[in-house]
Amino acid sequence: VDFDGYSVATVRDPWDTTRVMATYLLVDRTAEVADGGDAVVV
């Protein structure tokens, strides 16, 4: 999902598609991120 200035990528577990394997918050290198929550900030 693309937002204004960042994207969020959600990867589902291939062996159990009812669960999320990982979520990534893709943000610009210069952006300030207070907290990525459960997401891995990249």
PDB file of all heavy atoms in Angstrom:
ATOM      1  N   VAL A   1       0.846  -1.193   0.000  1.00  0.00           N
ATOM      2  CA  VAL A   1       0.000   0.000   0.000  1.00  0.00           C
ATOM      3  C   VAL A   1       0.880   1.240   0.000  1.00  0.00           C
ATOM      4  O   VAL A   1       1.745   1.400   0.869  1.00  0.00           O
ATOM      5  CB  VAL A   1      -0.947   0.019   1.219  1.00  0.00           C
ATOM      6  CG1 VAL A   1      -1.881   1.234   1.156  1.00  0.00           C
ATOM      7  CG2 VAL A   1      -1.762  -1.268   1.303  1.00  0.00           C
ATOM      8  N   ASP A   2       0.678   2.096  -0.989  1.00  0.00           N
ATOM      9  CA  ASP A   2       1.404   3.359  -1.068  1.00  0.00           C
ATOM     10  C   ASP A   2       0.606   4.463  -0.395  1.00  0.00           C
ATOM     11  O   ASP A   2      -0.604   4.616  -0.654  1.00  0.00           O
ATOM     12  CB  ASP A   2       1.643   3.753  -2.529  1.00  0.00           C
ATOM     13  CG  ASP A   2       2.696   2.891  -3.206  1.00  0.00           C
ATOM     14  OD1 ASP A   2       3.485   2.248  -2.493  1.00  0.00           O
ATOM     15  OD2 ASP A   2       2.719   2.847  -4.450  1.00  0.00           O
ATOM     16  N   PHE A   3       1.263   5.222   0.458  1.00  0.00           N
ATOM     17  CA  PHE A   3       0.686   6.412   1.067  1.00  0.00           C
ATOM     18  C   PHE A   3       1.491   7.619   0.598  1.00  0.00           C
ATOM     19  O   PHE A   3       2.447   7.477  -0.158  1.00  0.00           O
ATOM     20  CB  PHE A   3       0.728   6.303   2.595  1.00  0.00           C
ATOM     21  CG  PHE A   3      -0.168   5.245   3.166  1.00  0.00           C
ATOM     22  CD1 PHE A   3       0.286   3.941   3.282  1.00  0.00           C
ATOM     23  CD2 PHE A   3      -1.462   5.536   3.573  1.00  0.00           C
ATOM     24  CE1 PHE A   3      -0.528   2.946   3.806  1.00  0.00           C
ATOM     25  CE2 PHE A   3      -2.288   4.558   4.096  1.00  0.00           C
ATOM     26  CZ  PHE A   3      -1.824   3.256   4.212  1.00  0.00           C
ATOM     27  N   ASP A   4       1.113   8.771   1.039  1.00  0.00           N
ATOM     28  CA  ASP A   4       1.830   9.992   0.683  1.00  0.00           C
ATOM     29  C   ASP A   4       3.149  10.035   1.442  1.00  0.00           C
ATOM     30  O   ASP A   4       3.187  10.328   2.631  1.00  0.00           O
ATOM     31  CB  ASP A   4       0.986  11.224   1.021  1.00  0.00           C
ATOM     32  CG  ASP A   4       1.667  12.527   0.596  1.00  0.00           C
ATOM     33  OD1 ASP A   4       2.603  12.458  -0.224  1.00  0.00           O
ATOM     34  OD2 ASP A   4       1.265  13.602   1.094  1.00  0.00           O
ATOM     35  N   GLY A   5       4.234   9.676   0.771  1.00  0.00           N
ATOM     36  CA  GLY A   5       5.549   9.760   1.388  1.00  0.00           C
ATOM     37  C   GLY A   5       6.082   8.469   1.977  1.00  0.00           C
ATOM     38  O   GLY A   5       7.227   8.439   2.440  1.00  0.00           O
ATOM     39  N   TYR A   6       5.292   7.422   1.992  1.00  0.00           N
ATOM     40  CA  TYR A   6       5.785   6.151   2.521  1.00  0.00           C
ATOM     41  C   TYR A   6       4.923   5.012   1.989  1.00  0.00           C
ATOM     42  O   TYR A   6       3.855   5.225   1.398  1.00  0.00           O
ATOM     43  CB  TYR A   6       5.788   6.147   4.053  1.00  0.00           C
ATOM     44  CG  TYR A   6       4.420   6.254   4.681  1.00  0.00           C
ATOM     45  CD1 TYR A   6       3.747   5.117   5.146  1.00  0.00           C
ATOM     46  CD2 TYR A   6       3.797   7.501   4.847  1.00  0.00           C
ATOM     47  CE1 TYR A   6       2.493   5.215   5.730  1.00  0.00           C
ATOM     48  CE2 TYR A   6       2.545   7.600   5.429  1.00  0.00           C
ATOM     49  CZ  TYR A   6       1.896   6.461   5.873  1.00  0.00           C
ATOM     50  OH  TYR A   6       0.656   6.563   6.454  1.00  0.00           O
ATOM     51  N   SER A   7       5.393   3.773   2.183  1.00  0.00           N
ATOM     52  CA  SER A   7       4.644   2.585   1.772  1.00  0.00           C
ATOM     53  C   SER A   7       4.642   1.581   2.913  1.00  0.00           C
ATOM     54  O   SER A   7       5.542   1.586   3.765  1.00  0.00           O
ATOM     55  CB  SER A   7       5.277   1.937   0.531  1.00  0.00           C
ATOM     56  OG  SER A   7       5.257   2.805  -0.583  1.00  0.00           O
ATOM     57  N   VAL A   8       3.638   0.721   2.919  1.00  0.00           N
ATOM     58  CA  VAL A   8       3.553  -0.354   3.899  1.00  0.00           C
ATOM     59  C   VAL A   8       3.424  -1.675   3.152  1.00  0.00           C
ATOM     60  O   VAL A   8       2.559  -1.822   2.283  1.00  0.00           O
ATOM     61  CB  VAL A   8       2.366  -0.170   4.861  1.00  0.00           C
ATOM     62  CG1 VAL A   8       2.254  -1.367   5.812  1.00  0.00           C
ATOM     63  CG2 VAL A   8       2.511   1.124   5.649  1.00  0.00           C
ATOM     64  N   ALA A   9       4.293  -2.616   3.458  1.00  0.00           N
ATOM     65  CA  ALA A   9       4.278  -3.936   2.824  1.00  0.00           C
ATOM     66  C   ALA A   9       3.953  -4.986   3.880  1.00  0.00           C
ATOM     67  O   ALA A   9       4.614  -5.048   4.919  1.00  0.00           O
ATOM     68  CB  ALA A   9       5.626  -4.242   2.180  1.00  0.00           C
ATOM     69  N   THR A  10       2.935  -5.783   3.614  1.00  0.00           N
ATOM     70  CA  THR A  10       2.535  -6.859   4.523  1.00  0.00           C
ATOM     71  C   THR A  10       2.791  -8.201   3.836  1.00  0.00           C
ATOM     72  O   THR A  10       2.291  -8.433   2.736  1.00  0.00           O
ATOM     73  CB  THR A  10       1.042  -6.751   4.890  1.00  0.00           C
ATOM     74  OG1 THR A  10       0.788  -5.468   5.459  1.00  0.00           O
ATOM     75  CG2 THR A  10       0.658  -7.834   5.896  1.00  0.00           C
ATOM     76  N   VAL A  11       3.567  -9.054   4.487  1.00  0.00           N
ATOM     77  CA  VAL A  11       3.904 -10.372   3.942  1.00  0.00           C
ATOM     78  C   VAL A  11       3.191 -11.432   4.772  1.00  0.00           C
ATOM     79  O   VAL A  11       3.372 -11.499   5.997  1.00  0.00           O
ATOM     80  CB  VAL A  11       5.424 -10.626   3.967  1.00  0.00           C
ATOM     81  CG1 VAL A  11       5.743 -12.028   3.454  1.00  0.00           C
ATOM     82  CG2 VAL A  11       6.149  -9.566   3.136  1.00  0.00           C
ATOM     83  N   ARG A  12       2.388 -12.244   4.112  1.00  0.00           N
ATOM     84  CA  ARG A  12       1.694 -13.307   4.808  1.00  0.00           C
ATOM     85  C   ARG A  12       2.567 -14.568   4.865  1.00  0.00           C
ATOM     86  O   ARG A  12       3.391 -14.815   3.985  1.00  0.00           O
ATOM     87  CB  ARG A  12       0.375 -13.635   4.112  1.00  0.00           C
ATOM     88  CG  ARG A  12      -0.721 -12.645   4.469  1.00  0.00           C
ATOM     89  CD  ARG A  12      -2.075 -13.167   4.051  1.00  0.00           C
ATOM     90  NE  ARG A  12      -2.388 -12.773   2.683  1.00  0.00           N
ATOM     91  CZ  ARG A  12      -3.535 -13.059   2.078  1.00  0.00           C
ATOM     92  NH1 ARG A  12      -4.462 -13.767   2.702  1.00  0.00           N
ATOM     93  NH2 ARG A  12      -3.761 -12.651   0.848  1.00  0.00           N
ATOM     94  N   ASP A  13       2.365 -15.346   5.916  1.00  0.00           N
ATOM     95  CA  ASP A  13       3.094 -16.594   6.096  1.00  0.00           C
ATOM     96  C   ASP A  13       2.646 -17.583   5.012  1.00  0.00           C
ATOM     97  O   ASP A  13       1.485 -17.965   4.956  1.00  0.00           O
ATOM     98  CB  ASP A  13       2.781 -17.157   7.484  1.00  0.00           C
ATOM     99  CG  ASP A  13       3.621 -18.376   7.829  1.00  0.00           C
ATOM    100  OD1 ASP A  13       4.045 -19.105   6.899  1.00  0.00           O
ATOM    101  OD2 ASP A  13       3.848 -18.620   9.024  1.00  0.00           O
ATOM    102  N   PRO A  14       3.563 -18.035   4.146  1.00  0.00           N
ATOM    103  CA  PRO A  14       3.164 -18.959   3.077  1.00  0.00           C
ATOM    104  C   PRO A  14       2.613 -20.281   3.588  1.00  0.00           C
ATOM    105  O   PRO A  14       1.857 -20.949   2.888  1.00  0.00           O
ATOM    106  CB  PRO A  14       4.472 -19.184   2.298  1.00  0.00           C
ATOM    107  CG  PRO A  14       5.346 -18.026   2.648  1.00  0.00           C
ATOM    108  CD  PRO A  14       4.987 -17.673   4.049  1.00  0.00           C
ATOM    109  N   TRP A  15       2.989 -20.665   4.807  1.00  0.00           N
ATOM    110  CA  TRP A  15       2.568 -21.956   5.354  1.00  0.00           C
ATOM    111  C   TRP A  15       1.363 -21.838   6.280  1.00  0.00           C
ATOM    112  O   TRP A  15       0.814 -22.835   6.727  1.00  0.00           O
ATOM    113  CB  TRP A  15       3.748 -22.609   6.072  1.00  0.00           C
ATOM    114  CG  TRP A  15       4.878 -22.809   5.118  1.00  0.00           C
ATOM    115  CD1 TRP A  15       5.029 -23.826   4.216  1.00  0.00           C
ATOM    116  CD2 TRP A  15       5.997 -21.930   4.911  1.00  0.00           C
ATOM    117  NE1 TRP A  15       6.161 -23.642   3.468  1.00  0.00           N
ATOM    118  CE2 TRP A  15       6.787 -22.497   3.875  1.00  0.00           C
ATOM    119  CE3 TRP A  15       6.421 -20.744   5.510  1.00  0.00           C
ATOM    120  CZ2 TRP A  15       7.960 -21.904   3.433  1.00  0.00           C
ATOM    121  CZ3 TRP A  15       7.585 -20.143   5.059  1.00  0.00           C
ATOM    122  CH2 TRP A  15       8.344 -20.723   4.035  1.00  0.00           C
ATOM    123  N   ASP A  16       0.953 -20.629   6.562  1.00  0.00           N
ATOM    124  CA  ASP A  16      -0.259 -20.362   7.335  1.00  0.00           C
ATOM    125  C   ASP A  16      -0.736 -18.969   6.964  1.00  0.00           C
ATOM    126  O   ASP A  16      -0.416 -17.987   7.626  1.00  0.00           O
ATOM    127  CB  ASP A  16       0.009 -20.450   8.841  1.00  0.00           C
ATOM    128  CG  ASP A  16      -1.250 -20.185   9.681  1.00  0.00           C
ATOM    129  OD1 ASP A  16      -2.342 -20.017   9.076  1.00  0.00           O
ATOM    130  OD2 ASP A  16      -1.138 -20.128  10.916  1.00  0.00           O
ATOM    131  N   THR A  17      -1.490 -18.889   5.887  1.00  0.00           N
ATOM    132  CA  THR A  17      -1.840 -17.582   5.318  1.00  0.00           C
ATOM    133  C   THR A  17      -2.843 -16.804   6.167  1.00  0.00           C
ATOM    134  O   THR A  17      -3.215 -15.692   5.801  1.00  0.00           O
ATOM    135  CB  THR A  17      -2.393 -17.743   3.892  1.00  0.00           C
ATOM    136  OG1 THR A  17      -3.495 -18.656   3.904  1.00  0.00           O
ATOM    137  CG2 THR A  17      -1.313 -18.257   2.952  1.00  0.00           C
ATOM    138  N   THR A  18      -3.268 -17.374   7.295  1.00  0.00           N
ATOM    139  CA  THR A  18      -4.128 -16.618   8.200  1.00  0.00           C
ATOM    140  C   THR A  18      -3.322 -15.670   9.081  1.00  0.00           C
ATOM    141  O   THR A  18      -3.898 -14.836   9.781  1.00  0.00           O
ATOM    142  CB  THR A  18      -4.952 -17.557   9.100  1.00  0.00           C
ATOM    143  OG1 THR A  18      -4.066 -18.288   9.960  1.00  0.00           O
ATOM    144  CG2 THR A  18      -5.790 -18.521   8.259  1.00  0.00           C
ATOM    145  N   ARG A  19      -2.012 -15.801   9.053  1.00  0.00           N
ATOM    146  CA  ARG A  19      -1.185 -14.939   9.904  1.00  0.00           C
ATOM    147  C   ARG A  19      -0.188 -14.129   9.077  1.00  0.00           C
ATOM    148  O   ARG A  19       0.201 -14.534   7.977  1.00  0.00           O
ATOM    149  CB  ARG A  19      -0.436 -15.755  10.966  1.00  0.00           C
ATOM    150  CG  ARG A  19       0.573 -16.728  10.411  1.00  0.00           C
ATOM    151  CD  ARG A  19       1.298 -17.463  11.549  1.00  0.00           C
ATOM    152  NE  ARG A  19       2.172 -16.569  12.268  1.00  0.00           N
ATOM    153  CZ  ARG A  19       3.456 -16.358  11.955  1.00  0.00           C
ATOM    154  NH1 ARG A  19       4.002 -16.983  10.908  1.00  0.00           N
ATOM    155  NH2 ARG A  19       4.191 -15.539  12.662  1.00  0.00           N
ATOM    156  N   VAL A  20       0.180 -12.999   9.645  1.00  0.00           N
ATOM    157  CA  VAL A  20       1.172 -12.120   9.018  1.00  0.00           C
ATOM    158  C   VAL A  20       2.562 -12.554   9.433  1.00  0.00           C
ATOM    159  O   VAL A  20       2.841 -12.733  10.629  1.00  0.00           O
ATOM    160  CB  VAL A  20       0.927 -10.650   9.416  1.00  0.00           C
ATOM    161  CG1 VAL A  20       2.093  -9.771   8.978  1.00  0.00           C
ATOM    162  CG2 VAL A  20      -0.368 -10.152   8.794  1.00  0.00           C
ATOM    163  N   MET A  21       3.450 -12.738   8.462  1.00  0.00           N
ATOM    164  CA  MET A  21       4.832 -13.077   8.770  1.00  0.00           C
ATOM    165  C   MET A  21       5.617 -11.829   9.149  1.00  0.00           C
ATOM    166  O   MET A  21       6.421 -11.848  10.093  1.00  0.00           O
ATOM    167  CB  MET A  21       5.482 -13.757   7.563  1.00  0.00           C
ATOM    168  CG  MET A  21       6.974 -13.999   7.711  1.00  0.00           C
ATOM    169  SD  MET A  21       7.677 -14.957   6.339  1.00  0.00           S
ATOM    170  CE  MET A  21       7.161 -16.610   6.809  1.00  0.00           C
ATOM    171  N   ALA A  22       5.404 -10.736   8.413  1.00  0.00           N
ATOM    172  CA  ALA A  22       6.121  -9.494   8.690  1.00  0.00           C
ATOM    173  C   ALA A  22       5.414  -8.319   8.036  1.00  0.00           C
ATOM    174  O   ALA A  22       4.762  -8.471   7.003  1.00  0.00           O
ATOM    175  CB  ALA A  22       7.565  -9.580   8.185  1.00  0.00           C
ATOM    176  N   THR A  23       5.545  -7.177   8.662  1.00  0.00           N
ATOM    177  CA  THR A  23       5.036  -5.935   8.086  1.00  0.00           C
ATOM    178  C   THR A  23       6.180  -4.932   8.057  1.00  0.00           C
ATOM    179  O   THR A  23       6.932  -4.811   9.034  1.00  0.00           O
ATOM    180  CB  THR A  23       3.871  -5.373   8.903  1.00  0.00           C
ATOM    181  OG1 THR A  23       2.824  -6.351   8.961  1.00  0.00           O
ATOM    182  CG2 THR A  23       3.317  -4.101   8.273  1.00  0.00           C
ATOM    183  N   TYR A  24       6.308  -4.227   6.956  1.00  0.00           N
ATOM    184  CA  TYR A  24       7.412  -3.289   6.776  1.00  0.00           C
ATOM    185  C   TYR A  24       6.889  -1.889   6.506  1.00  0.00           C
ATOM    186  O   TYR A  24       5.985  -1.700   5.675  1.00  0.00           O
ATOM    187  CB  TYR A  24       8.306  -3.737   5.615  1.00  0.00           C
ATOM    188  CG  TYR A  24       8.857  -5.123   5.808  1.00  0.00           C
ATOM    189  CD1 TYR A  24       8.244  -6.224   5.198  1.00  0.00           C
ATOM    190  CD2 TYR A  24       9.958  -5.349   6.622  1.00  0.00           C
ATOM    191  CE1 TYR A  24       8.732  -7.506   5.395  1.00  0.00           C
ATOM    192  CE2 TYR A  24      10.448  -6.632   6.827  1.00  0.00           C
ATOM    193  CZ  TYR A  24       9.839  -7.707   6.206  1.00  0.00           C
ATOM    194  OH  TYR A  24      10.309  -8.979   6.411  1.00  0.00           O
ATOM    195  N   LEU A  25       7.453  -0.945   7.210  1.00  0.00           N
ATOM    196  CA  LEU A  25       7.160   0.468   6.976  1.00  0.00           C
ATOM    197  C   LEU A  25       8.331   1.046   6.200  1.00  0.00           C
ATOM    198  O   LEU A  25       9.442   1.157   6.725  1.00  0.00           O
ATOM    199  CB  LEU A  25       6.978   1.194   8.310  1.00  0.00           C
ATOM    200  CG  LEU A  25       6.791   2.708   8.260  1.00  0.00           C
ATOM    201  CD1 LEU A  25       5.521   3.065   7.497  1.00  0.00           C
ATOM    202  CD2 LEU A  25       6.757   3.278   9.669  1.00  0.00           C
ATOM    203  N   LEU A  26       8.112   1.341   4.921  1.00  0.00           N
ATOM    204  CA  LEU A  26       9.166   1.865   4.058  1.00  0.00           C
ATOM    205  C   LEU A  26       9.096   3.382   4.061  1.00  0.00           C
ATOM    206  O   LEU A  26       8.165   3.976   3.498  1.00  0.00           O
ATOM    207  CB  LEU A  26       9.006   1.322   2.631  1.00  0.00           C
ATOM    208  CG  LEU A  26       8.750  -0.190   2.486  1.00  0.00           C
ATOM    209  CD1 LEU A  26       8.670  -0.574   1.010  1.00  0.00           C
ATOM    210  CD2 LEU A  26       9.810  -1.001   3.201  1.00  0.00           C
ATOM    211  N   VAL A  27      10.048   4.006   4.709  1.00  0.00           N
ATOM    212  CA  VAL A  27      10.039   5.459   4.855  1.00  0.00           C
ATOM    213  C   VAL A  27      11.328   6.054   4.311  1.00  0.00           C
ATOM    214  O   VAL A  27      12.375   5.400   4.283  1.00  0.00           O
ATOM    215  CB  VAL A  27       9.858   5.879   6.330  1.00  0.00           C
ATOM    216  CG1 VAL A  27       8.525   5.385   6.868  1.00  0.00           C
ATOM    217  CG2 VAL A  27      11.003   5.369   7.195  1.00  0.00           C
ATOM    218  N   ASP A  28      11.235   7.297   3.901  1.00  0.00           N
ATOM    219  CA  ASP A  28      12.402   8.000   3.376  1.00  0.00           C
ATOM    220  C   ASP A  28      13.507   8.057   4.431  1.00  0.00           C
ATOM    221  O   ASP A  28      13.249   8.151   5.631  1.00  0.00           O
ATOM    222  CB  ASP A  28      12.009   9.415   2.944  1.00  0.00           C
ATOM    223  CG  ASP A  28      13.139  10.128   2.243  1.00  0.00           C
ATOM    224  OD1 ASP A  28      13.276   9.962   1.019  1.00  0.00           O
ATOM    225  OD2 ASP A  28      13.908  10.833   2.936  1.00  0.00           O
ATOM    226  N   ARG A  29      14.727   8.005   3.969  1.00  0.00           N
ATOM    227  CA  ARG A  29      15.876   7.980   4.869  1.00  0.00           C
ATOM    228  C   ARG A  29      15.939   9.194   5.787  1.00  0.00           C
ATOM    229  O   ARG A  29      16.521   9.140   6.873  1.00  0.00           O
ATOM    230  CB  ARG A  29      17.168   7.894   4.065  1.00  0.00           C
ATOM    231  CG  ARG A  29      17.236   6.722   3.095  1.00  0.00           C
ATOM    232  CD  ARG A  29      18.621   6.569   2.506  1.00  0.00           C
ATOM    233  NE  ARG A  29      19.582   6.173   3.522  1.00  0.00           N
ATOM    234  CZ  ARG A  29      19.766   4.911   3.924  1.00  0.00           C
ATOM    235  NH1 ARG A  29      19.056   3.930   3.398  1.00  0.00           N
ATOM    236  NH2 ARG A  29      20.658   4.639   4.857  1.00  0.00           N
ATOM    237  N   THR A  30      15.351  10.303   5.350  1.00  0.00           N
ATOM    238  CA  THR A  30      15.431  11.534   6.136  1.00  0.00           C
ATOM    239  C   THR A  30      14.219  11.742   7.035  1.00  0.00           C
ATOM    240  O   THR A  30      14.182  12.703   7.804  1.00  0.00           O
ATOM    241  CB  THR A  30      15.555  12.743   5.196  1.00  0.00           C
ATOM    242  OG1 THR A  30      14.381  12.810   4.351  1.00  0.00           O
ATOM    243  CG2 THR A  30      16.789  12.621   4.317  1.00  0.00           C
ATOM    244  N   ALA A  31      13.226  10.853   6.954  1.00  0.00           N
ATOM    245  CA  ALA A  31      11.992  11.049   7.717  1.00  0.00           C
ATOM    246  C   ALA A  31      12.201  10.715   9.193  1.00  0.00           C
ATOM    247  O   ALA A  31      13.004   9.857   9.550  1.00  0.00           O
ATOM    248  CB  ALA A  31      10.878  10.191   7.136  1.00  0.00           C
ATOM    249  N   GLU A  32      11.449  11.398  10.048  1.00  0.00           N
ATOM    250  CA  GLU A  32      11.440  11.102  11.476  1.00  0.00           C
ATOM    251  C   GLU A  32      10.309  10.112  11.751  1.00  0.00           C
ATOM    252  O   GLU A  32       9.178  10.324  11.338  1.00  0.00           O
ATOM    253  CB  GLU A  32      11.226  12.371  12.302  1.00  0.00           C
ATOM    254  CG  GLU A  32      12.335  13.395  12.177  1.00  0.00           C
ATOM    255  CD  GLU A  32      12.058  14.609  13.043  1.00  0.00           C
ATOM    256  OE1 GLU A  32      11.504  14.441  14.151  1.00  0.00           O
ATOM    257  OE2 GLU A  32      12.358  15.726  12.603  1.00  0.00           O
ATOM    258  N   VAL A  33      10.629   9.034  12.456  1.00  0.00           N
ATOM    259  CA  VAL A  33       9.621   8.045  12.813  1.00  0.00           C
ATOM    260  C   VAL A  33       9.594   7.910  14.325  1.00  0.00           C
ATOM    261  O   VAL A  33      10.566   7.470  14.935  1.00  0.00           O
ATOM    262  CB  VAL A  33       9.929   6.680  12.167  1.00  0.00           C
ATOM    263  CG1 VAL A  33       8.857   5.662  12.554  1.00  0.00           C
ATOM    264  CG2 VAL A  33      10.014   6.802  10.663  1.00  0.00           C
ATOM    265  N   ALA A  34       8.466   8.319  14.922  1.00  0.00           N
ATOM    266  CA  ALA A  34       8.351   8.242  16.376  1.00  0.00           C
ATOM    267  C   ALA A  34       8.274   6.792  16.832  1.00  0.00           C
ATOM    268  O   ALA A  34       8.910   6.402  17.807  1.00  0.00           O
ATOM    269  CB  ALA A  34       7.109   9.013  16.836  1.00  0.00           C
ATOM    270  N   ASP A  35       7.492   5.960  16.090  1.00  0.00           N
ATOM    271  CA  ASP A  35       7.328   4.567  16.463  1.00  0.00           C
ATOM    272  C   ASP A  35       6.730   3.813  15.285  1.00  0.00           C
ATOM    273  O   ASP A  35       5.709   4.226  14.745  1.00  0.00           O
ATOM    274  CB  ASP A  35       6.402   4.460  17.680  1.00  0.00           C
ATOM    275  CG  ASP A  35       6.343   3.054  18.258  1.00  0.00           C
ATOM    276  OD1 ASP A  35       6.864   2.130  17.610  1.00  0.00           O
ATOM    277  OD2 ASP A  35       5.799   2.892  19.362  1.00  0.00           O
ATOM    278  N   GLY A  36       7.349   2.724  14.903  1.00  0.00           N
ATOM    279  CA  GLY A  36       6.814   1.921  13.806  1.00  0.00           C
ATOM    280  C   GLY A  36       5.798   0.906  14.257  1.00  0.00           C
ATOM    281  O   GLY A  36       5.292   0.131  13.449  1.00  0.00           O
ATOM    282  N   GLY A  37       5.477   0.898  15.554  1.00  0.00           N
ATOM    283  CA  GLY A  37       4.528  -0.089  16.037  1.00  0.00           C
ATOM    284  C   GLY A  37       5.067  -1.494  15.840  1.00  0.00           C
ATOM    285  O   GLY A  37       6.208  -1.791  16.170  1.00  0.00           O
ATOM    286  N   ASP A  38       4.246  -2.370  15.282  1.00  0.00           N
ATOM    287  CA  ASP A  38       4.655  -3.746  15.040  1.00  0.00           C
ATOM    288  C   ASP A  38       5.415  -3.906  13.724  1.00  0.00           C
ATOM    289  O   ASP A  38       5.836  -5.012  13.386  1.00  0.00           O
ATOM    290  CB  ASP A  38       3.434  -4.673  15.022  1.00  0.00           C
ATOM    291  CG  ASP A  38       2.752  -4.734  16.377  1.00  0.00           C
ATOM    292  OD1 ASP A  38       3.456  -4.606  17.398  1.00  0.00           O
ATOM    293  OD2 ASP A  38       1.523  -4.896  16.421  1.00  0.00           O
ATOM    294  N   ALA A  39       5.563  -2.820  12.994  1.00  0.00           N
ATOM    295  CA  ALA A  39       6.230  -2.903  11.695  1.00  0.00           C
ATOM    296  C   ALA A  39       7.741  -2.770  11.835  1.00  0.00           C
ATOM    297  O   ALA A  39       8.255  -2.125  12.753  1.00  0.00           O
ATOM    298  CB  ALA A  39       5.718  -1.814  10.766  1.00  0.00           C
ATOM    299  N   VAL A  40       8.443  -3.401  10.895  1.00  0.00           N
ATOM    300  CA  VAL A  40       9.889  -3.220  10.779  1.00  0.00           C
ATOM    301  C   VAL A  40      10.120  -1.973   9.932  1.00  0.00           C
ATOM    302  O   VAL A  40       9.649  -1.899   8.790  1.00  0.00           O
ATOM    303  CB  VAL A  40      10.550  -4.441  10.120  1.00  0.00           C
ATOM    304  CG1 VAL A  40      12.040  -4.199   9.907  1.00  0.00           C
ATOM    305  CG2 VAL A  40      10.310  -5.689  10.943  1.00  0.00           C
ATOM    306  N   VAL A  41      10.801  -1.002  10.484  1.00  0.00           N
ATOM    307  CA  VAL A  41      11.067   0.233   9.753  1.00  0.00           C
ATOM    308  C   VAL A  41      12.251   0.014   8.821  1.00  0.00           C
ATOM    309  O   VAL A  41      13.331  -0.415   9.246  1.00  0.00           O
ATOM    310  CB  VAL A  41      11.354   1.400  10.713  1.00  0.00           C
ATOM    311  CG1 VAL A  41      11.721   2.662   9.924  1.00  0.00           C
ATOM    312  CG2 VAL A  41      10.141   1.663  11.608  1.00  0.00           C
ATOM    313  N   VAL A  42      12.050   0.291   7.544  1.00  0.00           N
ATOM    314  CA  VAL A  42      13.114   0.165   6.551  1.00  0.00           C
ATOM    315  C   VAL A  42      13.311   1.518   5.895  1.00  0.00           C
ATOM    316  O   VAL A  42      12.376   2.078   5.300  1.00  0.00           O
ATOM    317  CB  VAL A  42      12.768  -0.887   5.474  1.00  0.00           C
ATOM    318  CG1 VAL A  42      13.926  -1.040   4.481  1.00  0.00           C
ATOM    319  CG2 VAL A  42      12.441  -2.229   6.110  1.00  0.00           C
TER     320      VAL A  42
END
